[in-house]
Protein backbone atom coordinates (compact mmCIF):
# COMPACT_ATOMS: atom_id res chain seq x y z
CA MET A 1 115.16 76.96 66.17
CA PRO A 2 111.71 77.67 64.32
CA GLU A 3 110.49 81.10 63.78
CA LEU A 4 107.71 82.20 66.14
CA SER A 5 104.57 83.28 64.35
CA SER A 6 102.98 86.75 65.24
CA ILE A 7 100.18 85.00 66.93
CA SER A 8 102.45 83.00 69.20
CA VAL A 9 104.38 86.19 69.96
CA LYS A 10 101.09 88.05 70.82
CA SER A 11 99.82 85.09 73.01
CA LEU A 12 103.06 84.92 74.89
CA LEU A 13 102.85 88.73 75.49
CA VAL A 14 99.37 88.51 76.75
CA VAL A 15 100.41 85.78 79.22
CA LEU A 16 103.32 87.81 80.48
CA VAL A 17 101.21 90.87 80.98
CA LEU A 18 98.62 88.91 82.91
CA LEU A 19 101.28 87.19 85.06
CA ALA A 20 102.78 90.58 85.85
CA ALA A 21 99.41 91.98 86.80
CA GLY A 22 98.70 89.02 89.08
CA LEU A 23 102.14 89.49 90.89
CA SER A 24 101.66 92.94 91.33
CA LYS A 25 98.33 92.49 93.13
CA GLY A 26 100.13 90.13 95.57
CA ALA A 27 102.51 92.84 96.29
CA GLY A 28 99.88 94.68 98.32
CA TYR A 29 99.64 91.98 100.84
CA THR A 30 100.02 93.26 104.50
CA LYS A 31 100.53 91.08 107.51
CA SER A 32 98.47 92.02 110.53
CA ASN A 33 100.82 93.58 113.29
CA GLY A 34 98.17 93.04 115.78
CA ASN A 35 98.37 96.60 117.11
CA ASP A 36 95.01 97.70 116.02
CA CYS A 37 92.02 96.79 118.00
CA SER A 38 89.67 99.65 117.13
CA SER A 39 89.30 99.58 113.41
CA LYS A 40 86.31 98.19 111.43
CA PRO A 41 87.19 94.83 109.63
CA ASP A 42 88.61 95.51 106.27
CA THR A 43 88.54 92.79 103.58
CA GLY A 44 91.06 94.62 101.43
CA PRO A 45 90.93 95.00 97.68
CA CYS A 46 91.63 91.40 96.71
CA ARG A 47 88.94 88.69 96.23
CA GLY A 48 90.17 85.71 98.16
CA TYR A 49 88.29 83.93 100.89
CA PHE A 50 90.27 83.63 104.07
CA PRO A 51 88.32 83.46 107.53
CA LYS A 52 89.96 85.80 109.94
CA PHE A 53 88.91 87.44 113.16
CA TYR A 54 88.71 91.07 114.24
CA PHE A 55 88.03 92.83 117.51
CA ASP A 56 84.70 94.77 117.84
CA PRO A 57 85.33 97.39 120.62
CA SER A 58 81.54 98.07 120.93
CA ASP A 59 80.78 94.52 121.97
CA LYS A 60 84.33 93.73 123.41
CA LYS A 61 84.36 90.58 121.42
CA CYS A 62 86.42 88.83 118.64
CA LYS A 63 84.20 88.27 115.63
CA GLU A 64 84.86 86.32 112.33
CA PHE A 65 84.95 88.17 108.97
CA ILE A 66 86.31 87.18 105.43
CA TYR A 67 89.64 88.63 104.39
CA GLY A 68 90.32 89.02 100.68
CA GLY A 69 94.05 88.15 100.94
CA CYS A 70 95.80 91.64 100.48
CA GLY A 71 95.73 95.21 102.02
CA GLY A 72 93.30 95.63 104.98
CA ASN A 73 94.36 96.86 108.52
CA GLY A 74 95.84 95.71 111.53
CA ASN A 75 92.68 94.46 113.06
CA ARG A 76 93.01 91.00 111.62
CA TYR A 77 93.91 87.89 113.51
CA ASP A 78 94.30 84.17 112.36
CA THR A 79 92.50 82.72 115.33
CA LYS A 80 89.99 84.03 117.87
CA GLU A 81 92.54 83.24 120.57
CA GLU A 82 95.18 85.45 119.07
CA CYS A 83 92.64 88.21 118.78
CA HIS A 84 91.59 87.91 122.46
CA LYS A 85 95.18 87.89 123.40
CA ARG A 86 96.05 91.13 121.52
CA CYS A 87 93.01 93.03 122.37
C-alpha cells in the first residue's frame, strides 16, 4: 500500500470534518406534528427552499412560506389542504 502524503491526509481530514458538519445540521430536522396553528411561520436555521403552508390565525387562512429544511415549529404543513384540515 502506498504511503499517504501529508497533503492527502490533510485533505481527507478536511473532507471528513465538512461531512460531519453537514450531517450534524441535518440532525436538527423536525417534522411538523400539526398541533400548532398559532405560531408565526418559522423558516428554521437551514437554507433550503421548501414551499410549505402555515395557518395565519389573524386571517384564519393557510398561507405559503418557504421552509429552510430543519428546525422551525409545528405550524408547518406540506399542503394547503392539510393545513386547513388541522387548523
